[in-house]
N, C-alpha and C. Protein backbone atom coordinates (compact mmCIF):
# COMPACT_ATOMS: atom_id res chain seq x y z
N UNK A 1 -0.56 22.16 -71.33
CA UNK A 1 0.36 23.25 -71.49
C UNK A 1 0.74 23.80 -70.12
N UNK A 2 1.97 23.86 -69.83
CA UNK A 2 2.50 24.31 -68.55
C UNK A 2 2.57 25.83 -68.53
N UNK A 3 2.27 26.36 -67.34
CA UNK A 3 2.33 27.82 -67.16
C UNK A 3 3.79 28.24 -66.93
N UNK A 4 4.10 29.39 -67.38
CA UNK A 4 5.45 29.91 -67.12
C UNK A 4 5.45 30.56 -65.73
N UNK A 5 6.43 30.22 -64.97
CA UNK A 5 6.55 30.79 -63.62
C UNK A 5 7.21 32.14 -63.68
N UNK A 6 6.67 33.04 -62.90
CA UNK A 6 7.25 34.37 -62.84
C UNK A 6 8.46 34.29 -61.87
N UNK A 7 9.56 34.77 -62.32
CA UNK A 7 10.75 34.76 -61.48
C UNK A 7 10.72 36.00 -60.60
N UNK A 8 10.80 35.77 -59.33
CA UNK A 8 10.82 36.91 -58.38
C UNK A 8 12.28 37.16 -58.01
N UNK A 9 12.70 38.38 -58.23
CA UNK A 9 14.10 38.70 -57.96
C UNK A 9 14.28 38.90 -56.45
N UNK A 10 15.51 38.85 -56.04
CA UNK A 10 15.87 39.06 -54.66
C UNK A 10 15.43 40.43 -54.19
N UNK A 11 15.57 41.43 -55.03
CA UNK A 11 15.16 42.81 -54.66
C UNK A 11 13.67 42.88 -54.42
N UNK A 12 12.88 42.18 -55.26
CA UNK A 12 11.45 42.18 -55.09
C UNK A 12 11.06 41.50 -53.77
N UNK A 13 11.75 40.41 -53.46
CA UNK A 13 11.48 39.70 -52.19
C UNK A 13 11.82 40.61 -51.00
N UNK A 14 12.95 41.32 -51.14
CA UNK A 14 13.36 42.22 -50.05
C UNK A 14 12.35 43.35 -49.86
N UNK A 15 11.86 43.91 -50.96
CA UNK A 15 10.88 44.98 -50.89
C UNK A 15 9.58 44.49 -50.27
N UNK A 16 9.16 43.29 -50.64
CA UNK A 16 7.97 42.71 -50.06
C UNK A 16 8.11 42.48 -48.55
N UNK A 17 9.29 41.98 -48.15
CA UNK A 17 9.54 41.77 -46.72
C UNK A 17 9.58 43.10 -45.97
N UNK A 18 10.16 44.12 -46.58
CA UNK A 18 10.22 45.45 -45.96
C UNK A 18 8.83 46.01 -45.74
N UNK A 19 7.95 45.85 -46.75
CA UNK A 19 6.56 46.28 -46.62
C UNK A 19 5.87 45.57 -45.46
N UNK A 20 6.10 44.27 -45.37
CA UNK A 20 5.48 43.50 -44.30
C UNK A 20 5.96 43.97 -42.91
N UNK A 21 7.23 44.29 -42.82
CA UNK A 21 7.79 44.77 -41.55
C UNK A 21 7.18 46.12 -41.21
N UNK A 22 7.06 47.01 -42.16
CA UNK A 22 6.48 48.31 -41.92
C UNK A 22 5.02 48.22 -41.47
N UNK A 23 4.25 47.34 -42.11
CA UNK A 23 2.85 47.18 -41.71
C UNK A 23 2.74 46.58 -40.31
N UNK A 24 3.61 45.61 -40.02
CA UNK A 24 3.61 44.98 -38.71
C UNK A 24 4.00 46.00 -37.62
N UNK A 25 4.99 46.86 -37.91
CA UNK A 25 5.43 47.86 -36.95
C UNK A 25 4.31 48.87 -36.72
N UNK A 26 3.59 49.25 -37.75
CA UNK A 26 2.48 50.20 -37.60
C UNK A 26 1.41 49.62 -36.69
N UNK A 27 1.08 48.33 -36.88
CA UNK A 27 0.08 47.67 -36.03
C UNK A 27 0.59 47.57 -34.61
N UNK A 28 1.88 47.28 -34.43
CA UNK A 28 2.49 47.18 -33.09
C UNK A 28 2.42 48.55 -32.41
N UNK A 29 2.80 49.59 -33.13
CA UNK A 29 2.78 50.95 -32.54
C UNK A 29 1.37 51.32 -32.11
N UNK A 30 0.40 51.01 -32.92
CA UNK A 30 -1.00 51.32 -32.58
C UNK A 30 -1.44 50.57 -31.34
N UNK A 31 -1.04 49.28 -31.26
CA UNK A 31 -1.41 48.47 -30.11
C UNK A 31 -0.74 48.99 -28.82
N UNK A 32 0.50 49.42 -28.94
CA UNK A 32 1.22 49.98 -27.78
C UNK A 32 0.56 51.28 -27.31
N UNK A 33 0.17 52.11 -28.25
CA UNK A 33 -0.46 53.37 -27.94
C UNK A 33 -1.84 53.10 -27.23
N UNK A 34 -2.58 52.14 -27.74
CA UNK A 34 -3.85 51.79 -27.11
C UNK A 34 -3.63 51.27 -25.69
N UNK A 35 -2.63 50.40 -25.52
CA UNK A 35 -2.32 49.87 -24.21
C UNK A 35 -1.94 50.99 -23.23
N UNK A 36 -1.09 51.92 -23.66
CA UNK A 36 -0.72 53.03 -22.80
C UNK A 36 -1.93 53.85 -22.38
N UNK A 37 -2.83 54.09 -23.32
CA UNK A 37 -4.04 54.89 -23.02
C UNK A 37 -4.91 54.16 -22.00
N UNK A 38 -5.03 52.86 -22.16
CA UNK A 38 -5.83 52.06 -21.22
C UNK A 38 -5.18 52.03 -19.84
N UNK A 39 -3.87 51.91 -19.77
CA UNK A 39 -3.15 51.92 -18.50
C UNK A 39 -3.30 53.26 -17.79
N UNK A 40 -3.24 54.35 -18.55
CA UNK A 40 -3.42 55.69 -17.96
C UNK A 40 -4.85 55.84 -17.43
N UNK A 41 -5.81 55.31 -18.16
CA UNK A 41 -7.21 55.38 -17.73
C UNK A 41 -7.40 54.58 -16.44
N UNK A 42 -6.80 53.39 -16.38
CA UNK A 42 -6.92 52.59 -15.18
C UNK A 42 -6.26 53.25 -13.99
N UNK A 43 -5.09 53.85 -14.22
CA UNK A 43 -4.39 54.56 -13.17
C UNK A 43 -5.23 55.73 -12.62
N UNK A 44 -5.87 56.46 -13.53
CA UNK A 44 -6.73 57.56 -13.10
C UNK A 44 -7.90 57.09 -12.28
N UNK A 45 -8.48 55.93 -12.68
CA UNK A 45 -9.58 55.37 -11.93
C UNK A 45 -9.13 54.94 -10.52
N UNK A 46 -7.96 54.34 -10.46
CA UNK A 46 -7.44 53.91 -9.15
C UNK A 46 -7.15 55.08 -8.25
N UNK A 47 -6.61 56.16 -8.82
CA UNK A 47 -6.34 57.36 -8.02
C UNK A 47 -7.65 57.94 -7.51
N UNK A 48 -8.67 57.97 -8.36
CA UNK A 48 -9.99 58.49 -7.92
C UNK A 48 -10.56 57.62 -6.80
N UNK A 49 -10.43 56.30 -6.94
CA UNK A 49 -10.90 55.39 -5.92
C UNK A 49 -10.17 55.61 -4.59
N UNK A 50 -8.86 55.82 -4.66
CA UNK A 50 -8.08 56.06 -3.48
C UNK A 50 -8.51 57.37 -2.81
N UNK A 51 -8.73 58.40 -3.60
CA UNK A 51 -9.16 59.69 -3.07
C UNK A 51 -10.51 59.55 -2.36
N UNK A 52 -11.43 58.82 -2.95
CA UNK A 52 -12.73 58.63 -2.31
C UNK A 52 -12.59 57.86 -1.00
N UNK A 53 -11.69 56.86 -1.00
CA UNK A 53 -11.48 56.09 0.22
C UNK A 53 -10.91 56.98 1.34
N UNK A 54 -9.99 57.85 0.98
CA UNK A 54 -9.42 58.78 1.98
C UNK A 54 -10.50 59.75 2.48
N UNK A 55 -11.32 60.27 1.56
CA UNK A 55 -12.37 61.19 1.95
C UNK A 55 -13.40 60.55 2.89
N UNK A 56 -13.69 59.26 2.67
CA UNK A 56 -14.70 58.57 3.45
C UNK A 56 -14.11 57.91 4.69
N UNK A 57 -12.83 58.00 4.88
CA UNK A 57 -12.18 57.35 6.00
C UNK A 57 -12.39 58.12 7.29
N UNK A 58 -12.55 57.42 8.40
CA UNK A 58 -12.70 58.13 9.69
C UNK A 58 -11.33 58.64 10.20
N UNK A 59 -10.26 58.25 9.53
CA UNK A 59 -8.90 58.65 9.92
C UNK A 59 -8.61 60.05 9.36
N UNK A 60 -7.72 60.75 10.05
CA UNK A 60 -7.30 62.06 9.55
C UNK A 60 -6.26 61.91 8.48
N UNK A 61 -6.05 63.00 7.76
CA UNK A 61 -5.03 63.00 6.71
C UNK A 61 -3.68 62.63 7.28
N UNK A 62 -3.32 63.21 8.45
CA UNK A 62 -2.03 62.94 9.05
C UNK A 62 -1.88 61.46 9.47
N UNK A 63 -2.97 60.88 9.94
CA UNK A 63 -2.92 59.45 10.32
C UNK A 63 -2.70 58.59 9.06
N UNK A 64 -3.37 58.94 8.00
CA UNK A 64 -3.20 58.16 6.76
C UNK A 64 -1.80 58.30 6.23
N UNK A 65 -1.27 59.50 6.22
CA UNK A 65 0.09 59.72 5.73
C UNK A 65 1.09 59.01 6.59
N UNK A 66 0.91 59.03 7.92
CA UNK A 66 1.83 58.31 8.81
C UNK A 66 1.80 56.82 8.52
N UNK A 67 0.61 56.30 8.27
CA UNK A 67 0.48 54.86 7.95
C UNK A 67 1.20 54.54 6.65
N UNK A 68 1.01 55.35 5.66
CA UNK A 68 1.62 55.11 4.36
C UNK A 68 3.15 55.22 4.40
N UNK A 69 3.66 56.10 5.22
CA UNK A 69 5.11 56.28 5.32
C UNK A 69 5.78 55.34 6.29
N UNK A 70 5.00 54.61 7.07
CA UNK A 70 5.55 53.69 8.09
C UNK A 70 6.32 52.56 7.40
N UNK A 71 7.44 52.22 7.97
CA UNK A 71 8.28 51.07 7.51
C UNK A 71 7.65 49.82 8.08
N UNK A 72 7.73 48.75 7.35
CA UNK A 72 7.17 47.47 7.82
C UNK A 72 8.05 46.87 8.85
């Protein structure tokens, strides 16, 4: 005995595809938000590292600023 196939209408297929798009976008948005948070954290760590390097440097603030502003 053969099973009867359920006919899926075009509207049902479109609704299913829309749901998939919304779920994928939600995962994408969450991943982007996590990436931004990680990049901000890395940037803060790098700034802290730079500040410590300046504090421990034998050079004066003016010497460091002159070096950073110097054209190559």
